[in-house]
Amino acid sequence: PFANFKTLVESSKYRQQWFDFKKKELEELVWDEISWQLNDNE
């Protein structure tokens, strides 16, 4: 699924939208992890 999804998206007009979307989602996951760790440490 990962390779096939990548092939389809990267050859489409949604390529940049995918990269922006993925970046935003990963940033949210990282911020959630940081927030959780900070609260846990407190």
PDB file of all heavy atoms in Angstrom:
ATOM      1  N   PRO A   1       0.798  -1.227   0.000  1.00  0.00           N
ATOM      2  CA  PRO A   1       0.000   0.000   0.000  1.00  0.00           C
ATOM      3  C   PRO A   1       0.832   1.280   0.000  1.00  0.00           C
ATOM      4  O   PRO A   1       0.471   2.246  -0.674  1.00  0.00           O
ATOM      5  CB  PRO A   1      -0.849  -0.110   1.267  1.00  0.00           C
ATOM      6  CG  PRO A   1      -0.137  -1.088   2.135  1.00  0.00           C
ATOM      7  CD  PRO A   1       0.568  -2.032   1.195  1.00  0.00           C
ATOM      8  N   PHE A   2       1.949   1.293   0.714  1.00  0.00           N
ATOM      9  CA  PHE A   2       2.758   2.508   0.790  1.00  0.00           C
ATOM     10  C   PHE A   2       3.355   2.861  -0.578  1.00  0.00           C
ATOM     11  O   PHE A   2       3.256   4.003  -1.026  1.00  0.00           O
ATOM     12  CB  PHE A   2       3.863   2.369   1.841  1.00  0.00           C
ATOM     13  CG  PHE A   2       3.345   2.334   3.246  1.00  0.00           C
ATOM     14  CD1 PHE A   2       3.038   1.126   3.856  1.00  0.00           C
ATOM     15  CD2 PHE A   2       3.151   3.502   3.959  1.00  0.00           C
ATOM     16  CE1 PHE A   2       2.551   1.088   5.148  1.00  0.00           C
ATOM     17  CE2 PHE A   2       2.663   3.480   5.256  1.00  0.00           C
ATOM     18  CZ  PHE A   2       2.356   2.269   5.853  1.00  0.00           C
ATOM     19  N   ALA A   3       3.933   1.884  -1.224  1.00  0.00           N
ATOM     20  CA  ALA A   3       4.560   2.129  -2.528  1.00  0.00           C
ATOM     21  C   ALA A   3       3.518   2.490  -3.582  1.00  0.00           C
ATOM     22  O   ALA A   3       3.728   3.414  -4.378  1.00  0.00           O
ATOM     23  CB  ALA A   3       5.339   0.895  -2.968  1.00  0.00           C
ATOM     24  N   ASN A   4       2.402   1.784  -3.577  1.00  0.00           N
ATOM     25  CA  ASN A   4       1.364   2.060  -4.579  1.00  0.00           C
ATOM     26  C   ASN A   4       0.717   3.420  -4.361  1.00  0.00           C
ATOM     27  O   ASN A   4       0.448   4.150  -5.317  1.00  0.00           O
ATOM     28  CB  ASN A   4       0.323   0.943  -4.580  1.00  0.00           C
ATOM     29  CG  ASN A   4       0.899  -0.358  -5.079  1.00  0.00           C
ATOM     30  OD1 ASN A   4       1.774  -0.374  -5.931  1.00  0.00           O
ATOM     31  ND2 ASN A   4       0.430  -1.458  -4.528  1.00  0.00           N
ATOM     32  N   PHE A   5       0.467   3.782  -3.111  1.00  0.00           N
ATOM     33  CA  PHE A   5      -0.089   5.095  -2.802  1.00  0.00           C
ATOM     34  C   PHE A   5       0.867   6.187  -3.270  1.00  0.00           C
ATOM     35  O   PHE A   5       0.460   7.146  -3.921  1.00  0.00           O
ATOM     36  CB  PHE A   5      -0.333   5.204  -1.295  1.00  0.00           C
ATOM     37  CG  PHE A   5      -0.957   6.492  -0.859  1.00  0.00           C
ATOM     38  CD1 PHE A   5      -2.324   6.621  -0.754  1.00  0.00           C
ATOM     39  CD2 PHE A   5      -0.162   7.587  -0.528  1.00  0.00           C
ATOM     40  CE1 PHE A   5      -2.904   7.811  -0.327  1.00  0.00           C
ATOM     41  CE2 PHE A   5      -0.721   8.774  -0.107  1.00  0.00           C
ATOM     42  CZ  PHE A   5      -2.106   8.890  -0.015  1.00  0.00           C
ATOM     43  N   LYS A   6       2.133   6.015  -2.936  1.00  0.00           N
ATOM     44  CA  LYS A   6       3.152   7.005  -3.309  1.00  0.00           C
ATOM     45  C   LYS A   6       3.213   7.192  -4.821  1.00  0.00           C
ATOM     46  O   LYS A   6       3.239   8.319  -5.314  1.00  0.00           O
ATOM     47  CB  LYS A   6       4.518   6.565  -2.779  1.00  0.00           C
ATOM     48  CG  LYS A   6       5.639   7.496  -3.122  1.00  0.00           C
ATOM     49  CD  LYS A   6       6.967   6.971  -2.616  1.00  0.00           C
ATOM     50  CE  LYS A   6       8.078   7.885  -3.080  1.00  0.00           C
ATOM     51  NZ  LYS A   6       9.387   7.354  -2.835  1.00  0.00           N
ATOM     52  N   THR A   7       3.207   6.095  -5.555  1.00  0.00           N
ATOM     53  CA  THR A   7       3.265   6.169  -7.015  1.00  0.00           C
ATOM     54  C   THR A   7       2.075   6.939  -7.579  1.00  0.00           C
ATOM     55  O   THR A   7       2.243   7.801  -8.447  1.00  0.00           O
ATOM     56  CB  THR A   7       3.309   4.749  -7.617  1.00  0.00           C
ATOM     57  OG1 THR A   7       4.487   4.094  -7.148  1.00  0.00           O
ATOM     58  CG2 THR A   7       3.312   4.781  -9.132  1.00  0.00           C
ATOM     59  N   LEU A   8       0.893   6.651  -7.067  1.00  0.00           N
ATOM     60  CA  LEU A   8      -0.318   7.327  -7.565  1.00  0.00           C
ATOM     61  C   LEU A   8      -0.313   8.822  -7.233  1.00  0.00           C
ATOM     62  O   LEU A   8      -0.597   9.659  -8.085  1.00  0.00           O
ATOM     63  CB  LEU A   8      -1.567   6.674  -6.971  1.00  0.00           C
ATOM     64  CG  LEU A   8      -1.929   5.309  -7.516  1.00  0.00           C
ATOM     65  CD1 LEU A   8      -2.997   4.660  -6.644  1.00  0.00           C
ATOM     66  CD2 LEU A   8      -2.405   5.427  -8.958  1.00  0.00           C
ATOM     67  N   VAL A   9       0.007   9.134  -6.001  1.00  0.00           N
ATOM     68  CA  VAL A   9      -0.051  10.536  -5.567  1.00  0.00           C
ATOM     69  C   VAL A   9       1.032  11.367  -6.248  1.00  0.00           C
ATOM     70  O   VAL A   9       0.773  12.479  -6.703  1.00  0.00           O
ATOM     71  CB  VAL A   9       0.065  10.642  -4.032  1.00  0.00           C
ATOM     72  CG1 VAL A   9       0.286  12.075  -3.592  1.00  0.00           C
ATOM     73  CG2 VAL A   9      -1.187  10.104  -3.368  1.00  0.00           C
ATOM     74  N   GLU A  10       2.231  10.822  -6.331  1.00  0.00           N
ATOM     75  CA  GLU A  10       3.332  11.608  -6.880  1.00  0.00           C
ATOM     76  C   GLU A  10       3.194  11.865  -8.374  1.00  0.00           C
ATOM     77  O   GLU A  10       3.826  12.772  -8.896  1.00  0.00           O
ATOM     78  CB  GLU A  10       4.670  10.965  -6.540  1.00  0.00           C
ATOM     79  CG  GLU A  10       4.981  11.113  -5.057  1.00  0.00           C
ATOM     80  CD  GLU A  10       6.382  10.709  -4.693  1.00  0.00           C
ATOM     81  OE1 GLU A  10       7.127  10.229  -5.559  1.00  0.00           O
ATOM     82  OE2 GLU A  10       6.728  10.891  -3.511  1.00  0.00           O
ATOM     83  N   SER A  11       2.361  11.105  -9.041  1.00  0.00           N
ATOM     84  CA  SER A  11       2.144  11.352 -10.469  1.00  0.00           C
ATOM     85  C   SER A  11       0.820  12.071 -10.718  1.00  0.00           C
ATOM     86  O   SER A  11       0.334  12.114 -11.846  1.00  0.00           O
ATOM     87  CB  SER A  11       2.176  10.023 -11.237  1.00  0.00           C
ATOM     88  OG  SER A  11       1.121   9.191 -10.811  1.00  0.00           O
ATOM     89  N   SER A  12       0.252  12.653  -9.676  1.00  0.00           N
ATOM     90  CA  SER A  12      -1.043  13.332  -9.796  1.00  0.00           C
ATOM     91  C   SER A  12      -0.898  14.828  -9.515  1.00  0.00           C
ATOM     92  O   SER A  12       0.144  15.289  -9.052  1.00  0.00           O
ATOM     93  CB  SER A  12      -2.052  12.734  -8.817  1.00  0.00           C
ATOM     94  OG  SER A  12      -1.797  13.193  -7.496  1.00  0.00           O
ATOM     95  N   LYS A  13      -1.977  15.547  -9.750  1.00  0.00           N
ATOM     96  CA  LYS A  13      -1.988  16.982  -9.448  1.00  0.00           C
ATOM     97  C   LYS A  13      -2.075  17.238  -7.943  1.00  0.00           C
ATOM     98  O   LYS A  13      -1.962  18.366  -7.489  1.00  0.00           O
ATOM     99  CB  LYS A  13      -3.139  17.676 -10.165  1.00  0.00           C
ATOM    100  CG  LYS A  13      -4.518  17.328  -9.643  1.00  0.00           C
ATOM    101  CD  LYS A  13      -5.601  18.083 -10.377  1.00  0.00           C
ATOM    102  CE  LYS A  13      -6.965  17.808  -9.772  1.00  0.00           C
ATOM    103  NZ  LYS A  13      -8.013  18.570 -10.430  1.00  0.00           N
ATOM    104  N   TYR A  14      -2.266  16.168  -7.159  1.00  0.00           N
ATOM    105  CA  TYR A  14      -2.389  16.286  -5.706  1.00  0.00           C
ATOM    106  C   TYR A  14      -1.055  16.096  -4.987  1.00  0.00           C
ATOM    107  O   TYR A  14      -1.010  16.029  -3.762  1.00  0.00           O
ATOM    108  CB  TYR A  14      -3.396  15.252  -5.184  1.00  0.00           C
ATOM    109  CG  TYR A  14      -4.804  15.554  -5.604  1.00  0.00           C
ATOM    110  CD1 TYR A  14      -5.319  15.045  -6.786  1.00  0.00           C
ATOM    111  CD2 TYR A  14      -5.625  16.367  -4.835  1.00  0.00           C
ATOM    112  CE1 TYR A  14      -6.615  15.330  -7.188  1.00  0.00           C
ATOM    113  CE2 TYR A  14      -6.922  16.656  -5.224  1.00  0.00           C
ATOM    114  CZ  TYR A  14      -7.403  16.136  -6.405  1.00  0.00           C
ATOM    115  OH  TYR A  14      -8.677  16.428  -6.791  1.00  0.00           O
ATOM    116  N   ARG A  15       0.011  16.019  -5.745  1.00  0.00           N
ATOM    117  CA  ARG A  15       1.332  15.745  -5.169  1.00  0.00           C
ATOM    118  C   ARG A  15       1.685  16.729  -4.049  1.00  0.00           C
ATOM    119  O   ARG A  15       1.992  16.328  -2.925  1.00  0.00           O
ATOM    120  CB  ARG A  15       2.395  15.777  -6.265  1.00  0.00           C
ATOM    121  CG  ARG A  15       3.789  15.436  -5.796  1.00  0.00           C
ATOM    122  CD  ARG A  15       4.780  15.450  -6.976  1.00  0.00           C
ATOM    123  NE  ARG A  15       6.075  14.979  -6.578  1.00  0.00           N
ATOM    124  CZ  ARG A  15       7.018  15.766  -6.059  1.00  0.00           C
ATOM    125  NH1 ARG A  15       6.800  17.065  -5.903  1.00  0.00           N
ATOM    126  NH2 ARG A  15       8.192  15.253  -5.713  1.00  0.00           N
ATOM    127  N   GLN A  16       1.656  18.015  -4.350  1.00  0.00           N
ATOM    128  CA  GLN A  16       2.030  19.009  -3.345  1.00  0.00           C
ATOM    129  C   GLN A  16       1.031  19.035  -2.192  1.00  0.00           C
ATOM    130  O   GLN A  16       1.415  19.193  -1.037  1.00  0.00           O
ATOM    131  CB  GLN A  16       2.161  20.406  -3.956  1.00  0.00           C
ATOM    132  CG  GLN A  16       2.746  21.435  -2.994  1.00  0.00           C
ATOM    133  CD  GLN A  16       4.127  21.032  -2.472  1.00  0.00           C
ATOM    134  OE1 GLN A  16       5.010  20.699  -3.234  1.00  0.00           O
ATOM    135  NE2 GLN A  16       4.303  21.052  -1.160  1.00  0.00           N
ATOM    136  N   GLN A  17      -0.245  18.847  -2.506  1.00  0.00           N
ATOM    137  CA  GLN A  17      -1.269  18.804  -1.462  1.00  0.00           C
ATOM    138  C   GLN A  17      -0.984  17.644  -0.500  1.00  0.00           C
ATOM    139  O   GLN A  17      -1.150  17.774   0.705  1.00  0.00           O
ATOM    140  CB  GLN A  17      -2.655  18.653  -2.089  1.00  0.00           C
ATOM    141  CG  GLN A  17      -3.788  18.736  -1.100  1.00  0.00           C
ATOM    142  CD  GLN A  17      -5.151  18.646  -1.767  1.00  0.00           C
ATOM    143  OE1 GLN A  17      -5.302  18.925  -2.951  1.00  0.00           O
ATOM    144  NE2 GLN A  17      -6.147  18.260  -0.999  1.00  0.00           N
ATOM    145  N   TRP A  18      -0.537  16.504  -1.040  1.00  0.00           N
ATOM    146  CA  TRP A  18      -0.188  15.355  -0.210  1.00  0.00           C
ATOM    147  C   TRP A  18       0.978  15.693   0.710  1.00  0.00           C
ATOM    148  O   TRP A  18       0.932  15.429   1.914  1.00  0.00           O
ATOM    149  CB  TRP A  18       0.146  14.137  -1.067  1.00  0.00           C
ATOM    150  CG  TRP A  18       0.932  13.086  -0.343  1.00  0.00           C
ATOM    151  CD1 TRP A  18       2.187  12.660  -0.632  1.00  0.00           C
ATOM    152  CD2 TRP A  18       0.526  12.337   0.814  1.00  0.00           C
ATOM    153  NE1 TRP A  18       2.582  11.694   0.261  1.00  0.00           N
ATOM    154  CE2 TRP A  18       1.587  11.483   1.170  1.00  0.00           C
ATOM    155  CE3 TRP A  18      -0.629  12.322   1.591  1.00  0.00           C
ATOM    156  CZ2 TRP A  18       1.532  10.617   2.250  1.00  0.00           C
ATOM    157  CZ3 TRP A  18      -0.686  11.452   2.677  1.00  0.00           C
ATOM    158  CH2 TRP A  18       0.385  10.613   3.001  1.00  0.00           C
ATOM    159  N   PHE A  19       2.034  16.290   0.147  1.00  0.00           N
ATOM    160  CA  PHE A  19       3.183  16.629   0.984  1.00  0.00           C
ATOM    161  C   PHE A  19       2.805  17.610   2.086  1.00  0.00           C
ATOM    162  O   PHE A  19       3.234  17.463   3.232  1.00  0.00           O
ATOM    163  CB  PHE A  19       4.320  17.196   0.137  1.00  0.00           C
ATOM    164  CG  PHE A  19       4.999  16.178  -0.727  1.00  0.00           C
ATOM    165  CD1 PHE A  19       5.213  16.426  -2.072  1.00  0.00           C
ATOM    166  CD2 PHE A  19       5.443  14.976  -0.219  1.00  0.00           C
ATOM    167  CE1 PHE A  19       5.838  15.494  -2.884  1.00  0.00           C
ATOM    168  CE2 PHE A  19       6.076  14.026  -1.012  1.00  0.00           C
ATOM    169  CZ  PHE A  19       6.271  14.291  -2.356  1.00  0.00           C
ATOM    170  N   ASP A  20       1.993  18.602   1.765  1.00  0.00           N
ATOM    171  CA  ASP A  20       1.549  19.578   2.767  1.00  0.00           C
ATOM    172  C   ASP A  20       0.688  18.914   3.840  1.00  0.00           C
ATOM    173  O   ASP A  20       0.840  19.181   5.032  1.00  0.00           O
ATOM    174  CB  ASP A  20       0.774  20.713   2.097  1.00  0.00           C
ATOM    175  CG  ASP A  20       1.635  21.555   1.167  1.00  0.00           C
ATOM    176  OD1 ASP A  20       2.885  21.487   1.263  1.00  0.00           O
ATOM    177  OD2 ASP A  20       1.051  22.264   0.316  1.00  0.00           O
ATOM    178  N   PHE A  21      -0.223  18.054   3.398  1.00  0.00           N
ATOM    179  CA  PHE A  21      -1.116  17.349   4.318  1.00  0.00           C
ATOM    180  C   PHE A  21      -0.310  16.447   5.257  1.00  0.00           C
ATOM    181  O   PHE A  21      -0.509  16.466   6.474  1.00  0.00           O
ATOM    182  CB  PHE A  21      -2.127  16.515   3.522  1.00  0.00           C
ATOM    183  CG  PHE A  21      -3.136  15.812   4.361  1.00  0.00           C
ATOM    184  CD1 PHE A  21      -4.296  16.453   4.760  1.00  0.00           C
ATOM    185  CD2 PHE A  21      -2.938  14.489   4.755  1.00  0.00           C
ATOM    186  CE1 PHE A  21      -5.237  15.799   5.542  1.00  0.00           C
ATOM    187  CE2 PHE A  21      -3.864  13.825   5.536  1.00  0.00           C
ATOM    188  CZ  PHE A  21      -5.028  14.486   5.925  1.00  0.00           C
ATOM    189  N   LYS A  22       0.591  15.671   4.681  1.00  0.00           N
ATOM    190  CA  LYS A  22       1.411  14.753   5.481  1.00  0.00           C
ATOM    191  C   LYS A  22       2.261  15.517   6.492  1.00  0.00           C
ATOM    192  O   LYS A  22       2.361  15.121   7.663  1.00  0.00           O
ATOM    193  CB  LYS A  22       2.300  13.925   4.548  1.00  0.00           C
ATOM    194  CG  LYS A  22       3.154  12.913   5.254  1.00  0.00           C
ATOM    195  CD  LYS A  22       3.988  12.131   4.237  1.00  0.00           C
ATOM    196  CE  LYS A  22       4.961  11.207   4.922  1.00  0.00           C
ATOM    197  NZ  LYS A  22       5.833  10.521   3.960  1.00  0.00           N
ATOM    198  N   LYS A  23       2.850  16.607   6.063  1.00  0.00           N
ATOM    199  CA  LYS A  23       3.668  17.423   6.960  1.00  0.00           C
ATOM    200  C   LYS A  23       2.839  17.938   8.132  1.00  0.00           C
ATOM    201  O   LYS A  23       3.254  17.850   9.288  1.00  0.00           O
ATOM    202  CB  LYS A  23       4.273  18.601   6.192  1.00  0.00           C
ATOM    203  CG  LYS A  23       5.103  19.517   7.054  1.00  0.00           C
ATOM    204  CD  LYS A  23       5.635  20.688   6.259  1.00  0.00           C
ATOM    205  CE  LYS A  23       6.349  21.653   7.193  1.00  0.00           C
ATOM    206  NZ  LYS A  23       6.595  22.941   6.576  1.00  0.00           N
ATOM    207  N   LYS A  24       1.652  18.446   7.836  1.00  0.00           N
ATOM    208  CA  LYS A  24       0.777  18.967   8.888  1.00  0.00           C
ATOM    209  C   LYS A  24       0.391  17.869   9.873  1.00  0.00           C
ATOM    210  O   LYS A  24       0.444  18.062  11.089  1.00  0.00           O
ATOM    211  CB  LYS A  24      -0.480  19.581   8.276  1.00  0.00           C
ATOM    212  CG  LYS A  24      -1.450  20.175   9.291  1.00  0.00           C
ATOM    213  CD  LYS A  24      -2.667  20.751   8.639  1.00  0.00           C
ATOM    214  CE  LYS A  24      -3.759  19.802   8.300  1.00  0.00           C
ATOM    215  NZ  LYS A  24      -4.324  18.899   9.225  1.00  0.00           N
ATOM    216  N   GLU A  25       0.036  16.703   9.365  1.00  0.00           N
ATOM    217  CA  GLU A  25      -0.351  15.591  10.233  1.00  0.00           C
ATOM    218  C   GLU A  25       0.814  15.119  11.100  1.00  0.00           C
ATOM    219  O   GLU A  25       0.633  14.844  12.294  1.00  0.00           O
ATOM    220  CB  GLU A  25      -0.889  14.425   9.397  1.00  0.00           C
ATOM    221  CG  GLU A  25      -2.201  14.711   8.707  1.00  0.00           C
ATOM    222  CD  GLU A  25      -3.365  14.865   9.663  1.00  0.00           C
ATOM    223  OE1 GLU A  25      -3.455  14.097  10.641  1.00  0.00           O
ATOM    224  OE2 GLU A  25      -4.206  15.758   9.432  1.00  0.00           O
ATOM    225  N   LEU A  26       1.996  15.012  10.519  1.00  0.00           N
ATOM    226  CA  LEU A  26       3.168  14.585  11.290  1.00  0.00           C
ATOM    227  C   LEU A  26       3.547  15.615  12.341  1.00  0.00           C
ATOM    228  O   LEU A  26       3.918  15.260  13.468  1.00  0.00           O
ATOM    229  CB  LEU A  26       4.351  14.307  10.366  1.00  0.00           C
ATOM    230  CG  LEU A  26       4.216  13.071   9.487  1.00  0.00           C
ATOM    231  CD1 LEU A  26       5.357  13.008   8.474  1.00  0.00           C
ATOM    232  CD2 LEU A  26       4.162  11.804  10.325  1.00  0.00           C
ATOM    233  N   GLU A  27       3.431  16.889  11.996  1.00  0.00           N
ATOM    234  CA  GLU A  27       3.710  17.940  12.973  1.00  0.00           C
ATOM    235  C   GLU A  27       2.744  17.843  14.147  1.00  0.00           C
ATOM    236  O   GLU A  27       3.145  18.003  15.303  1.00  0.00           O
ATOM    237  CB  GLU A  27       3.620  19.318  12.321  1.00  0.00           C
ATOM    238  CG  GLU A  27       4.798  19.644  11.442  1.00  0.00           C
ATOM    239  CD  GLU A  27       4.645  20.942  10.671  1.00  0.00           C
ATOM    240  OE1 GLU A  27       3.545  21.549  10.672  1.00  0.00           O
ATOM    241  OE2 GLU A  27       5.636  21.367  10.043  1.00  0.00           O
ATOM    242  N   GLU A  28       1.481  17.569  13.872  1.00  0.00           N
ATOM    243  CA  GLU A  28       0.504  17.422  14.954  1.00  0.00           C
ATOM    244  C   GLU A  28       0.846  16.231  15.851  1.00  0.00           C
ATOM    245  O   GLU A  28       0.736  16.325  17.076  1.00  0.00           O
ATOM    246  CB  GLU A  28      -0.905  17.271  14.390  1.00  0.00           C
ATOM    247  CG  GLU A  28      -1.460  18.558  13.836  1.00  0.00           C
ATOM    248  CD  GLU A  28      -2.852  18.412  13.253  1.00  0.00           C
ATOM    249  OE1 GLU A  28      -3.528  17.395  13.532  1.00  0.00           O
ATOM    250  OE2 GLU A  28      -3.267  19.311  12.516  1.00  0.00           O
ATOM    251  N   LEU A  29       1.262  15.129  15.243  1.00  0.00           N
ATOM    252  CA  LEU A  29       1.656  13.964  16.039  1.00  0.00           C
ATOM    253  C   LEU A  29       2.855  14.289  16.927  1.00  0.00           C
ATOM    254  O   LEU A  29       2.903  13.890  18.096  1.00  0.00           O
ATOM    255  CB  LEU A  29       1.989  12.782  15.128  1.00  0.00           C
ATOM    256  CG  LEU A  29       0.816  12.090  14.449  1.00  0.00           C
ATOM    257  CD1 LEU A  29       1.314  11.092  13.406  1.00  0.00           C
ATOM    258  CD2 LEU A  29      -0.059  11.392  15.475  1.00  0.00           C
ATOM    259  N   VAL A  30       3.828  15.018  16.379  1.00  0.00           N
ATOM    260  CA  VAL A  30       5.020  15.385  17.157  1.00  0.00           C
ATOM    261  C   VAL A  30       4.638  16.330  18.292  1.00  0.00           C
ATOM    262  O   VAL A  30       5.074  16.143  19.431  1.00  0.00           O
ATOM    263  CB  VAL A  30       6.106  16.000  16.249  1.00  0.00           C
ATOM    264  CG1 VAL A  30       7.220  16.620  17.074  1.00  0.00           C
ATOM    265  CG2 VAL A  30       6.667  14.941  15.313  1.00  0.00           C
ATOM    266  N   TRP A  31       3.814  17.316  18.002  1.00  0.00           N
ATOM    267  CA  TRP A  31       3.392  18.246  19.064  1.00  0.00           C
ATOM    268  C   TRP A  31       2.612  17.518  20.153  1.00  0.00           C
ATOM    269  O   TRP A  31       2.774  17.808  21.346  1.00  0.00           O
ATOM    270  CB  TRP A  31       2.586  19.407  18.501  1.00  0.00           C
ATOM    271  CG  TRP A  31       3.454  20.454  17.873  1.00  0.00           C
ATOM    272  CD1 TRP A  31       3.494  20.809  16.567  1.00  0.00           C
ATOM    273  CD2 TRP A  31       4.427  21.278  18.536  1.00  0.00           C
ATOM    274  NE1 TRP A  31       4.436  21.791  16.374  1.00  0.00           N
ATOM    275  CE2 TRP A  31       5.016  22.101  17.560  1.00  0.00           C
ATOM    276  CE3 TRP A  31       4.860  21.391  19.859  1.00  0.00           C
ATOM    277  CZ2 TRP A  31       6.013  23.029  17.866  1.00  0.00           C
ATOM    278  CZ3 TRP A  31       5.858  22.320  20.163  1.00  0.00           C
ATOM    279  CH2 TRP A  31       6.421  23.118  19.165  1.00  0.00           C
ATOM    280  N   ASP A  32       1.780  16.575  19.768  1.00  0.00           N
ATOM    281  CA  ASP A  32       1.052  15.785  20.761  1.00  0.00           C
ATOM    282  C   ASP A  32       2.015  15.004  21.636  1.00  0.00           C
ATOM    283  O   ASP A  32       1.844  14.921  22.853  1.00  0.00           O
ATOM    284  CB  ASP A  32       0.075  14.815  20.080  1.00  0.00           C
ATOM    285  CG  ASP A  32      -1.124  15.514  19.470  1.00  0.00           C
ATOM    286  OD1 ASP A  32      -1.350  16.713  19.763  1.00  0.00           O
ATOM    287  OD2 ASP A  32      -1.841  14.866  18.680  1.00  0.00           O
ATOM    288  N   GLU A  33       3.028  14.409  21.021  1.00  0.00           N
ATOM    289  CA  GLU A  33       4.024  13.644  21.773  1.00  0.00           C
ATOM    290  C   GLU A  33       4.802  14.551  22.725  1.00  0.00           C
ATOM    291  O   GLU A  33       5.023  14.205  23.889  1.00  0.00           O
ATOM    292  CB  GLU A  33       4.985  12.943  20.810  1.00  0.00           C
ATOM    293  CG  GLU A  33       6.093  12.159  21.468  1.00  0.00           C
ATOM    294  CD  GLU A  33       5.620  10.897  22.176  1.00  0.00           C
ATOM    295  OE1 GLU A  33       4.505  10.430  21.892  1.00  0.00           O
ATOM    296  OE2 GLU A  33       6.383  10.390  23.015  1.00  0.00           O
ATOM    297  N   ILE A  34       5.206  15.711  22.244  1.00  0.00           N
ATOM    298  CA  ILE A  34       5.948  16.661  23.092  1.00  0.00           C
ATOM    299  C   ILE A  34       5.076  17.101  24.266  1.00  0.00           C
ATOM    300  O   ILE A  34       5.528  17.115  25.419  1.00  0.00           O
ATOM    301  CB  ILE A  34       6.433  17.874  22.270  1.00  0.00           C
ATOM    302  CG1 ILE A  34       7.538  17.440  21.306  1.00  0.00           C
ATOM    303  CG2 ILE A  34       6.909  19.003  23.177  1.00  0.00           C
ATOM    304  CD1 ILE A  34       7.919  18.488  20.281  1.00  0.00           C
ATOM    305  N   SER A  35       3.845  17.443  23.968  1.00  0.00           N
ATOM    306  CA  SER A  35       2.925  17.875  25.026  1.00  0.00           C
ATOM    307  C   SER A  35       2.733  16.784  26.063  1.00  0.00           C
ATOM    308  O   SER A  35       2.772  17.030  27.273  1.00  0.00           O
ATOM    309  CB  SER A  35       1.583  18.258  24.397  1.00  0.00           C
ATOM    310  OG  SER A  35       0.653  18.563  25.384  1.00  0.00           O
ATOM    311  N   TRP A  36       2.552  15.541  25.597  1.00  0.00           N
ATOM    312  CA  TRP A  36       2.364  14.425  26.509  1.00  0.00           C
ATOM    313  C   TRP A  36       3.597  14.239  27.388  1.00  0.00           C
ATOM    314  O   TRP A  36       3.479  14.050  28.601  1.00  0.00           O
ATOM    315  CB  TRP A  36       2.071  13.156  25.703  1.00  0.00           C
ATOM    316  CG  TRP A  36       1.879  11.968  26.571  1.00  0.00           C
ATOM    317  CD1 TRP A  36       0.752  11.603  27.247  1.00  0.00           C
ATOM    318  CD2 TRP A  36       2.868  10.986  26.889  1.00  0.00           C
ATOM    319  NE1 TRP A  36       0.972  10.453  27.951  1.00  0.00           N
ATOM    320  CE2 TRP A  36       2.269  10.043  27.751  1.00  0.00           C
ATOM    321  CE3 TRP A  36       4.196  10.798  26.516  1.00  0.00           C
ATOM    322  CZ2 TRP A  36       2.960   8.947  28.248  1.00  0.00           C
ATOM    323  CZ3 TRP A  36       4.874   9.704  27.014  1.00  0.00           C
ATOM    324  CH2 TRP A  36       4.260   8.799  27.868  1.00  0.00           C
ATOM    325  N   GLN A  37       4.778  14.296  26.772  1.00  0.00           N
ATOM    326  CA  GLN A  37       6.010  14.098  27.540  1.00  0.00           C
ATOM    327  C   GLN A  37       6.226  15.234  28.554  1.00  0.00           C
ATOM    328  O   GLN A  37       6.670  14.996  29.666  1.00  0.00           O
ATOM    329  CB  GLN A  37       7.221  13.968  26.604  1.00  0.00           C
ATOM    330  CG  GLN A  37       7.266  12.618  25.913  1.00  0.00           C
ATOM    331  CD  GLN A  37       8.592  12.352  25.255  1.00  0.00           C
ATOM    332  OE1 GLN A  37       9.642  12.719  25.775  1.00  0.00           O
ATOM    333  NE2 GLN A  37       8.551  11.714  24.093  1.00  0.00           N
ATOM    334  N   LEU A  38       5.915  16.454  28.149  1.00  0.00           N
ATOM    335  CA  LEU A  38       6.068  17.577  29.074  1.00  0.00           C
ATOM    336  C   LEU A  38       5.122  17.425  30.255  1.00  0.00           C
ATOM    337  O   LEU A  38       5.510  17.647  31.414  1.00  0.00           O
ATOM    338  CB  LEU A  38       5.824  18.902  28.362  1.00  0.00           C
ATOM    339  CG  LEU A  38       6.934  19.362  27.422  1.00  0.00           C
ATOM    340  CD1 LEU A  38       6.496  20.609  26.661  1.00  0.00           C
ATOM    341  CD2 LEU A  38       8.234  19.618  28.170  1.00  0.00           C
ATOM    342  N   ASN A  39       3.890  17.051  29.993  1.00  0.00           N
ATOM    343  CA  ASN A  39       2.919  16.842  31.075  1.00  0.00           C
ATOM    344  C   ASN A  39       3.316  15.687  31.958  1.00  0.00           C
ATOM    345  O   ASN A  39       3.163  15.733  33.165  1.00  0.00           O
ATOM    346  CB  ASN A  39       1.513  16.624  30.508  1.00  0.00           C
ATOM    347  CG  ASN A  39       0.940  17.886  29.936  1.00  0.00           C
ATOM    348  OD1 ASN A  39       1.295  18.984  30.345  1.00  0.00           O
ATOM    349  ND2 ASN A  39       0.046  17.735  28.974  1.00  0.00           N
ATOM    350  N   ASP A  40       3.855  14.627  31.361  1.00  0.00           N
ATOM    351  CA  ASP A  40       4.299  13.467  32.111  1.00  0.00           C
ATOM    352  C   ASP A  40       5.467  13.833  33.016  1.00  0.00           C
ATOM    353  O   ASP A  40       5.530  13.435  34.159  1.00  0.00           O
ATOM    354  CB  ASP A  40       4.686  12.338  31.138  1.00  0.00           C
ATOM    355  CG  ASP A  40       4.857  11.007  31.843  1.00  0.00           C
ATOM    356  OD1 ASP A  40       3.995  10.683  32.713  1.00  0.00           O
ATOM    357  OD2 ASP A  40       5.809  10.289  31.523  1.00  0.00           O
ATOM    358  N   ASN A  41       6.412  14.639  32.478  1.00  0.00           N
ATOM    359  CA  ASN A  41       7.568  15.066  33.273  1.00  0.00           C
ATOM    360  C   ASN A  41       7.149  15.981  34.409  1.00  0.00           C
ATOM    361  O   ASN A  41       7.730  15.934  35.493  1.00  0.00           O
ATOM    362  CB  ASN A  41       8.600  15.761  32.390  1.00  0.00           C
ATOM    363  CG  ASN A  41       9.366  14.770  31.513  1.00  0.00           C
ATOM    364  OD1 ASN A  41       9.422  13.586  31.819  1.00  0.00           O
ATOM    365  ND2 ASN A  41       9.915  15.257  30.417  1.00  0.00           N
ATOM    366  N   GLU A  42       6.153  16.839  34.166  1.00  0.00           N
ATOM    367  CA  GLU A  42       5.675  17.723  35.225  1.00  0.00           C
ATOM    368  C   GLU A  42       5.065  16.927  36.368  1.00  0.00           C
ATOM    369  O   GLU A  42       5.284  17.241  37.529  1.00  0.00           O
ATOM    370  CB  GLU A  42       4.634  18.699  34.683  1.00  0.00           C
ATOM    371  CG  GLU A  42       5.230  19.823  33.862  1.00  0.00           C
ATOM    372  CD  GLU A  42       4.169  20.766  33.328  1.00  0.00           C
ATOM    373  OE1 GLU A  42       2.979  20.636  33.696  1.00  0.00           O
ATOM    374  OE2 GLU A  42       4.541  21.647  32.550  1.00  0.00           O
TER     375      GLU A  42
END
